[in-house]
Amino acid sequence: MFKNQISYFFVNIYELKNVKMKKVILLLVFFLVALGMQAQNSKQSNFGIKGGYNLAAVSYDGDTETGQRHGFHLGIYGESFVSTSFAVQLEVLYSQQGFEIEDDSGTFTQKLNYINLPLMFKGYASKNFFLEAGPQIGLAISHKEEFDSGINFFDTSSEFDPNSFDWGVNFGGGFKTDTGFSLGVRYHLGLGDIYDEGAPKNRVWMFSVGFDL
């Protein structure tokens, strides 16, 4: 039964209790602003905006992965070069994540939205092509759970709180022109549990377009 499936995902309300986490986020934002100020005075530093398409899912117990939720991400970044071929990039992104589960009863959708702070280490294999990897922390800012039975009378919408804090690592690569236009693809491997049961973790493919300002 579908109800037995989704009951596996519902947990008690979990609140972010660590106030220090909020201070860390503020410090990272200030650091990003500093990178942007530096970019105004250095040809090897950049500040810009980026956005794109998300394919988000969740992995349970490291064995099974849900269906994907379609969404988007949007935010700002600061890229600072430490050599001609190596850069550090900090980002602040709004990201739509979550998952879908579909069976004969209908479709259950977890709509889970984050403010993510990736810190990426970028190596330029050539003048315009780069590979990147780095850690990410995230704060869940909104969520909604929906069940679509295909019959309006049986459709439901409920609120169940996931864990507020998320963390993981990113891997990716892309192409950046001399004018500051970039195309990139990134995979987010979540390491923090979304819920307390089943060890569910975020899995997100991100396809981005960026512009230096």
C-alpha atoms as a PDB file:
ATOM      1  CA  MET A   1       0.000   0.000   0.000  1.00  0.00           C
ATOM      2  CA  PHE A   2       1.111   3.548  -0.738  1.00  0.00           C
ATOM      3  CA  LYS A   3       0.348   4.648   2.808  1.00  0.00           C
ATOM      4  CA  ASN A   4       2.834   2.137   4.128  1.00  0.00           C
ATOM      5  CA  GLN A   5       5.471   3.581   1.812  1.00  0.00           C
ATOM      6  CA  ILE A   6       5.066   7.210   2.767  1.00  0.00           C
ATOM      7  CA  SER A   7       4.737   6.490   6.493  1.00  0.00           C
ATOM      8  CA  TYR A   8       8.363   5.454   6.290  1.00  0.00           C
ATOM      9  CA  PHE A   9       9.282   9.074   5.490  1.00  0.00           C
ATOM     10  CA  PHE A  10       7.284  10.946   8.124  1.00  0.00           C
ATOM     11  CA  VAL A  11       9.031  11.837  11.371  1.00  0.00           C
ATOM     12  CA  ASN A  12       8.499  14.101  14.377  1.00  0.00           C
ATOM     13  CA  ILE A  13       9.262  17.798  14.094  1.00  0.00           C
ATOM     14  CA  TYR A  14      12.961  18.512  14.226  1.00  0.00           C
ATOM     15  CA  GLU A  15      14.249  22.035  14.921  1.00  0.00           C
ATOM     16  CA  LEU A  16      17.679  23.492  14.309  1.00  0.00           C
ATOM     17  CA  LYS A  17      18.951  24.170  17.821  1.00  0.00           C
ATOM     18  CA  ASN A  18      22.513  25.165  17.111  1.00  0.00           C
ATOM     19  CA  VAL A  19      22.550  28.977  16.977  1.00  0.00           C
ATOM     20  CA  LYS A  20      26.224  28.869  15.987  1.00  0.00           C
ATOM     21  CA  MET A  21      25.139  27.447  12.621  1.00  0.00           C
ATOM     22  CA  LYS A  22      23.337  30.681  11.803  1.00  0.00           C
ATOM     23  CA  LYS A  23      26.459  32.644  12.713  1.00  0.00           C
ATOM     24  CA  VAL A  24      28.523  30.478  10.373  1.00  0.00           C
ATOM     25  CA  ILE A  25      26.100  31.195   7.533  1.00  0.00           C
ATOM     26  CA  LEU A  26      26.333  34.945   8.179  1.00  0.00           C
ATOM     27  CA  LEU A  27      30.133  34.790   8.177  1.00  0.00           C
ATOM     28  CA  LEU A  28      30.104  32.938   4.857  1.00  0.00           C
ATOM     29  CA  VAL A  29      27.795  35.562   3.359  1.00  0.00           C
ATOM     30  CA  PHE A  30      30.132  38.327   4.540  1.00  0.00           C
ATOM     31  CA  PHE A  31      33.037  36.428   2.980  1.00  0.00           C
ATOM     32  CA  LEU A  32      31.149  36.246  -0.318  1.00  0.00           C
ATOM     33  CA  VAL A  33      30.570  40.017  -0.239  1.00  0.00           C
ATOM     34  CA  ALA A  34      34.291  40.499   0.415  1.00  0.00           C
ATOM     35  CA  LEU A  35      35.088  38.389  -2.647  1.00  0.00           C
ATOM     36  CA  GLY A  36      32.779  40.581  -4.684  1.00  0.00           C
ATOM     37  CA  MET A  37      34.566  43.729  -3.455  1.00  0.00           C
ATOM     38  CA  GLN A  38      37.894  42.139  -4.313  1.00  0.00           C
ATOM     39  CA  ALA A  39      36.616  41.294  -7.789  1.00  0.00           C
ATOM     40  CA  GLN A  40      36.230  44.996  -8.529  1.00  0.00           C
ATOM     41  CA  ASN A  41      39.964  45.470  -8.101  1.00  0.00           C
ATOM     42  CA  SER A  42      41.380  42.257  -9.508  1.00  0.00           C
ATOM     43  CA  LYS A  43      41.179  40.692 -12.960  1.00  0.00           C
ATOM     44  CA  GLN A  44      41.633  37.280 -11.362  1.00  0.00           C
ATOM     45  CA  SER A  45      38.574  37.485  -9.121  1.00  0.00           C
ATOM     46  CA  ASN A  46      34.942  37.421 -10.202  1.00  0.00           C
ATOM     47  CA  PHE A  47      31.540  38.095  -8.724  1.00  0.00           C
ATOM     48  CA  GLY A  48      28.368  37.025 -10.492  1.00  0.00           C
ATOM     49  CA  ILE A  49      24.972  35.370 -10.639  1.00  0.00           C
ATOM     50  CA  LYS A  50      24.035  31.823 -11.616  1.00  0.00           C
ATOM     51  CA  GLY A  51      20.948  29.692 -11.983  1.00  0.00           C
ATOM     52  CA  GLY A  52      19.628  26.598 -13.643  1.00  0.00           C
ATOM     53  CA  TYR A  53      17.788  23.304 -13.567  1.00  0.00           C
ATOM     54  CA  ASN A  54      17.653  20.727 -10.750  1.00  0.00           C
ATOM     55  CA  LEU A  55      16.919  17.002 -10.871  1.00  0.00           C
ATOM     56  CA  ALA A  56      16.526  16.070  -7.198  1.00  0.00           C
ATOM     57  CA  ALA A  57      16.016  12.703  -5.531  1.00  0.00           C
ATOM     58  CA  VAL A  58      16.676  11.005  -2.195  1.00  0.00           C
ATOM     59  CA  SER A  59      18.691   7.876  -1.418  1.00  0.00           C
ATOM     60  CA  TYR A  60      17.445   5.593   1.396  1.00  0.00           C
ATOM     61  CA  ASP A  61      19.877   3.416   3.350  1.00  0.00           C
ATOM     62  CA  GLY A  62      22.352   3.826   0.502  1.00  0.00           C
ATOM     63  CA  ASP A  63      20.461   1.182  -1.509  1.00  0.00           C
ATOM     64  CA  THR A  64      17.365   2.634  -3.149  1.00  0.00           C
ATOM     65  CA  GLU A  65      16.756   5.992  -4.761  1.00  0.00           C
ATOM     66  CA  THR A  66      13.397   7.716  -5.215  1.00  0.00           C
ATOM     67  CA  GLY A  67      12.009   9.288  -8.334  1.00  0.00           C
ATOM     68  CA  GLN A  68      13.209  12.784  -9.203  1.00  0.00           C
ATOM     69  CA  ARG A  69      11.605  16.133  -8.483  1.00  0.00           C
ATOM     70  CA  HIS A  70      12.128  18.809 -11.139  1.00  0.00           C
ATOM     71  CA  GLY A  71      13.156  22.229  -9.821  1.00  0.00           C
ATOM     72  CA  PHE A  72      15.625  25.068 -10.165  1.00  0.00           C
ATOM     73  CA  HIS A  73      18.408  26.901  -8.333  1.00  0.00           C
ATOM     74  CA  LEU A  74      19.337  30.588  -8.313  1.00  0.00           C
ATOM     75  CA  GLY A  75      21.950  32.620  -6.503  1.00  0.00           C
ATOM     76  CA  ILE A  76      25.253  34.499  -6.451  1.00  0.00           C
ATOM     77  CA  TYR A  77      28.908  33.490  -6.375  1.00  0.00           C
ATOM     78  CA  GLY A  78      32.368  34.898  -5.726  1.00  0.00           C
ATOM     79  CA  GLU A  79      35.355  33.313  -7.471  1.00  0.00           C
ATOM     80  CA  SER A  80      38.868  34.130  -6.261  1.00  0.00           C
ATOM     81  CA  PHE A  81      42.011  32.839  -7.994  1.00  0.00           C
ATOM     82  CA  VAL A  82      44.962  31.720  -5.904  1.00  0.00           C
ATOM     83  CA  SER A  83      47.012  30.855  -9.033  1.00  0.00           C
ATOM     84  CA  THR A  84      46.525  30.984 -12.784  1.00  0.00           C
ATOM     85  CA  SER A  85      44.845  27.564 -12.799  1.00  0.00           C
ATOM     86  CA  PHE A  86      43.262  27.232  -9.341  1.00  0.00           C
ATOM     87  CA  ALA A  87      40.359  29.157  -7.808  1.00  0.00           C
ATOM     88  CA  VAL A  88      38.088  29.052  -4.761  1.00  0.00           C
ATOM     89  CA  GLN A  89      34.398  29.805  -5.305  1.00  0.00           C
ATOM     90  CA  LEU A  90      31.815  30.485  -2.607  1.00  0.00           C
ATOM     91  CA  GLU A  91      28.119  30.534  -3.499  1.00  0.00           C
ATOM     92  CA  VAL A  92      24.765  31.352  -1.896  1.00  0.00           C
ATOM     93  CA  LEU A  93      21.993  29.444  -3.690  1.00  0.00           C
ATOM     94  CA  TYR A  94      18.258  28.975  -3.360  1.00  0.00           C
ATOM     95  CA  SER A  95      17.657  25.361  -4.412  1.00  0.00           C
ATOM     96  CA  GLN A  96      14.453  23.384  -4.985  1.00  0.00           C
ATOM     97  CA  GLN A  97      14.987  19.771  -3.920  1.00  0.00           C
ATOM     98  CA  GLY A  98      13.000  16.783  -2.646  1.00  0.00           C
ATOM     99  CA  PHE A  99      11.705  13.681  -4.395  1.00  0.00           C
ATOM    100  CA  GLU A 100       8.742  11.810  -5.883  1.00  0.00           C
ATOM    101  CA  ILE A 101       7.411   8.308  -5.265  1.00  0.00           C
ATOM    102  CA  GLU A 102       4.851   6.871  -7.664  1.00  0.00           C
ATOM    103  CA  ASP A 103       2.835   3.654  -7.439  1.00  0.00           C
ATOM    104  CA  ASP A 104      -0.625   2.396  -8.365  1.00  0.00           C
ATOM    105  CA  SER A 105      -2.254   4.592  -5.706  1.00  0.00           C
ATOM    106  CA  GLY A 106      -0.805   7.860  -6.982  1.00  0.00           C
ATOM    107  CA  THR A 107       2.216  10.121  -6.631  1.00  0.00           C
ATOM    108  CA  PHE A 108       3.734  11.361  -3.377  1.00  0.00           C
ATOM    109  CA  THR A 109       5.899  14.495  -3.753  1.00  0.00           C
ATOM    110  CA  GLN A 110       8.224  15.955  -1.138  1.00  0.00           C
ATOM    111  CA  LYS A 111       8.884  19.603  -2.011  1.00  0.00           C
ATOM    112  CA  LEU A 112      11.910  20.655   0.012  1.00  0.00           C
ATOM    113  CA  ASN A 113      13.634  23.997  -0.563  1.00  0.00           C
ATOM    114  CA  TYR A 114      17.058  25.049   0.751  1.00  0.00           C
ATOM    115  CA  ILE A 115      19.446  27.938   1.074  1.00  0.00           C
ATOM    116  CA  ASN A 116      22.737  26.225   0.212  1.00  0.00           C
ATOM    117  CA  LEU A 117      26.292  27.451   0.729  1.00  0.00           C
ATOM    118  CA  PRO A 118      28.736  25.518  -1.484  1.00  0.00           C
ATOM    119  CA  LEU A 119      32.486  26.136  -1.184  1.00  0.00           C
ATOM    120  CA  MET A 120      34.047  24.892  -4.414  1.00  0.00           C
ATOM    121  CA  PHE A 121      37.703  24.318  -5.264  1.00  0.00           C
ATOM    122  CA  LYS A 122      38.134  24.761  -9.012  1.00  0.00           C
ATOM    123  CA  GLY A 123      40.988  23.544 -11.140  1.00  0.00           C
ATOM    124  CA  TYR A 124      41.249  24.931 -14.675  1.00  0.00           C
ATOM    125  CA  ALA A 125      42.524  22.122 -16.894  1.00  0.00           C
ATOM    126  CA  SER A 126      42.833  24.724 -19.662  1.00  0.00           C
ATOM    127  CA  LYS A 127      42.055  28.398 -20.031  1.00  0.00           C
ATOM    128  CA  ASN A 128      38.306  27.798 -20.204  1.00  0.00           C
ATOM    129  CA  PHE A 129      37.546  24.280 -18.918  1.00  0.00           C
ATOM    130  CA  PHE A 130      37.396  23.524 -15.199  1.00  0.00           C
ATOM    131  CA  LEU A 131      36.737  20.713 -12.749  1.00  0.00           C
ATOM    132  CA  GLU A 132      35.416  21.412  -9.260  1.00  0.00           C
ATOM    133  CA  ALA A 133      34.758  19.750  -5.918  1.00  0.00           C
ATOM    134  CA  GLY A 134      33.964  20.925  -2.423  1.00  0.00           C
ATOM    135  CA  PRO A 135      31.729  20.823   0.664  1.00  0.00           C
ATOM    136  CA  GLN A 136      28.266  22.279   1.044  1.00  0.00           C
ATOM    137  CA  ILE A 137      26.011  23.146   3.943  1.00  0.00           C
ATOM    138  CA  GLY A 138      22.297  23.849   3.593  1.00  0.00           C
ATOM    139  CA  LEU A 139      19.367  25.167   5.586  1.00  0.00           C
ATOM    140  CA  ALA A 140      15.848  23.965   4.773  1.00  0.00           C
ATOM    141  CA  ILE A 141      13.640  27.065   4.546  1.00  0.00           C
ATOM    142  CA  SER A 142      10.343  25.545   3.358  1.00  0.00           C
ATOM    143  CA  HIS A 143       8.743  22.188   2.659  1.00  0.00           C
ATOM    144  CA  LYS A 144       5.471  20.682   1.518  1.00  0.00           C
ATOM    145  CA  GLU A 145       4.264  17.123   1.059  1.00  0.00           C
ATOM    146  CA  GLU A 146       1.603  16.313  -1.533  1.00  0.00           C
ATOM    147  CA  PHE A 147      -0.227  13.162  -2.588  1.00  0.00           C
ATOM    148  CA  ASP A 148      -1.869  13.167  -6.015  1.00  0.00           C
ATOM    149  CA  SER A 149      -4.237  10.242  -6.491  1.00  0.00           C
ATOM    150  CA  GLY A 150      -5.428  11.353  -9.910  1.00  0.00           C
ATOM    151  CA  ILE A 151      -8.837  11.956  -8.316  1.00  0.00           C
ATOM    152  CA  ASN A 152      -9.220  15.392  -6.751  1.00  0.00           C
ATOM    153  CA  PHE A 153     -11.373  14.100  -3.901  1.00  0.00           C
ATOM    154  CA  PHE A 154      -8.517  11.975  -2.570  1.00  0.00           C
ATOM    155  CA  ASP A 155      -5.702  14.508  -3.026  1.00  0.00           C
ATOM    156  CA  THR A 156      -4.037  15.607   0.211  1.00  0.00           C
ATOM    157  CA  SER A 157      -1.472  18.166   1.331  1.00  0.00           C
ATOM    158  CA  SER A 158       0.230  17.854   4.728  1.00  0.00           C
ATOM    159  CA  GLU A 159       3.131  19.392   6.647  1.00  0.00           C
ATOM    160  CA  PHE A 160       5.885  17.162   8.045  1.00  0.00           C
ATOM    161  CA  ASP A 161       9.141  18.736   9.152  1.00  0.00           C
ATOM    162  CA  PRO A 162      12.436  17.366   7.847  1.00  0.00           C
ATOM    163  CA  ASN A 163      15.715  18.109   9.584  1.00  0.00           C
ATOM    164  CA  SER A 164      16.593  21.754   9.078  1.00  0.00           C
ATOM    165  CA  PHE A 165      20.324  21.300   8.521  1.00  0.00           C
ATOM    166  CA  ASP A 166      21.875  19.477   5.568  1.00  0.00           C
ATOM    167  CA  TRP A 167      25.441  18.935   4.455  1.00  0.00           C
ATOM    168  CA  GLY A 168      27.342  17.078   1.780  1.00  0.00           C
ATOM    169  CA  VAL A 169      29.877  17.357  -1.044  1.00  0.00           C
ATOM    170  CA  ASN A 170      29.687  18.496  -4.664  1.00  0.00           C
ATOM    171  CA  PHE A 171      31.501  17.318  -7.785  1.00  0.00           C
ATOM    172  CA  GLY A 172      31.312  18.883 -11.207  1.00  0.00           C
ATOM    173  CA  GLY A 173      32.848  20.684 -14.125  1.00  0.00           C
ATOM    174  CA  GLY A 174      32.141  23.206 -16.803  1.00  0.00           C
ATOM    175  CA  PHE A 175      33.203  25.762 -19.365  1.00  0.00           C
ATOM    176  CA  LYS A 176      33.792  29.472 -18.808  1.00  0.00           C
ATOM    177  CA  THR A 177      34.446  32.008 -21.561  1.00  0.00           C
ATOM    178  CA  ASP A 178      36.828  34.956 -21.342  1.00  0.00           C
ATOM    179  CA  THR A 179      33.785  37.245 -21.058  1.00  0.00           C
ATOM    180  CA  GLY A 180      32.597  35.519 -17.858  1.00  0.00           C
ATOM    181  CA  PHE A 181      29.751  33.428 -19.282  1.00  0.00           C
ATOM    182  CA  SER A 182      29.790  29.876 -17.902  1.00  0.00           C
ATOM    183  CA  LEU A 183      28.020  26.546 -18.322  1.00  0.00           C
ATOM    184  CA  GLY A 184      28.341  23.886 -15.644  1.00  0.00           C
ATOM    185  CA  VAL A 185      27.039  20.588 -14.347  1.00  0.00           C
ATOM    186  CA  ARG A 186      27.306  19.496 -10.723  1.00  0.00           C
ATOM    187  CA  TYR A 187      26.284  16.512  -8.623  1.00  0.00           C
ATOM    188  CA  HIS A 188      25.420  16.986  -4.945  1.00  0.00           C
ATOM    189  CA  LEU A 189      26.030  13.976  -2.722  1.00  0.00           C
ATOM    190  CA  GLY A 190      24.133  14.635   0.506  1.00  0.00           C
ATOM    191  CA  LEU A 191      25.642  13.213   3.694  1.00  0.00           C
ATOM    192  CA  GLY A 192      23.150  14.506   6.253  1.00  0.00           C
ATOM    193  CA  ASP A 193      19.889  12.674   7.000  1.00  0.00           C
ATOM    194  CA  ILE A 194      16.739  14.464   5.850  1.00  0.00           C
ATOM    195  CA  TYR A 195      14.647  12.453   8.328  1.00  0.00           C
ATOM    196  CA  ASP A 196      15.583  10.488  11.431  1.00  0.00           C
ATOM    197  CA  GLU A 197      14.471   7.139   9.964  1.00  0.00           C
ATOM    198  CA  GLY A 198      15.881   5.290   6.975  1.00  0.00           C
ATOM    199  CA  ALA A 199      18.973   7.502   6.575  1.00  0.00           C
ATOM    200  CA  PRO A 200      17.476   9.477   3.633  1.00  0.00           C
ATOM    201  CA  LYS A 201      20.032  11.731   1.896  1.00  0.00           C
ATOM    202  CA  ASN A 202      19.769  14.318  -0.857  1.00  0.00           C
ATOM    203  CA  ARG A 203      20.943  13.512  -4.371  1.00  0.00           C
ATOM    204  CA  VAL A 204      20.822  16.439  -6.820  1.00  0.00           C
ATOM    205  CA  TRP A 205      21.975  16.995 -10.398  1.00  0.00           C
ATOM    206  CA  MET A 206      22.396  20.713 -11.147  1.00  0.00           C
ATOM    207  CA  PHE A 207      22.759  22.246 -14.623  1.00  0.00           C
ATOM    208  CA  SER A 208      23.829  25.897 -14.404  1.00  0.00           C
ATOM    209  CA  VAL A 209      24.359  29.054 -16.396  1.00  0.00           C
ATOM    210  CA  GLY A 210      26.475  31.834 -14.847  1.00  0.00           C
ATOM    211  CA  PHE A 211      27.431  35.430 -15.631  1.00  0.00           C
ATOM    212  CA  ASP A 212      30.246  37.491 -14.134  1.00  0.00           C
ATOM    213  CA  LEU A 213      29.089  41.000 -13.183  1.00  0.00           C
END
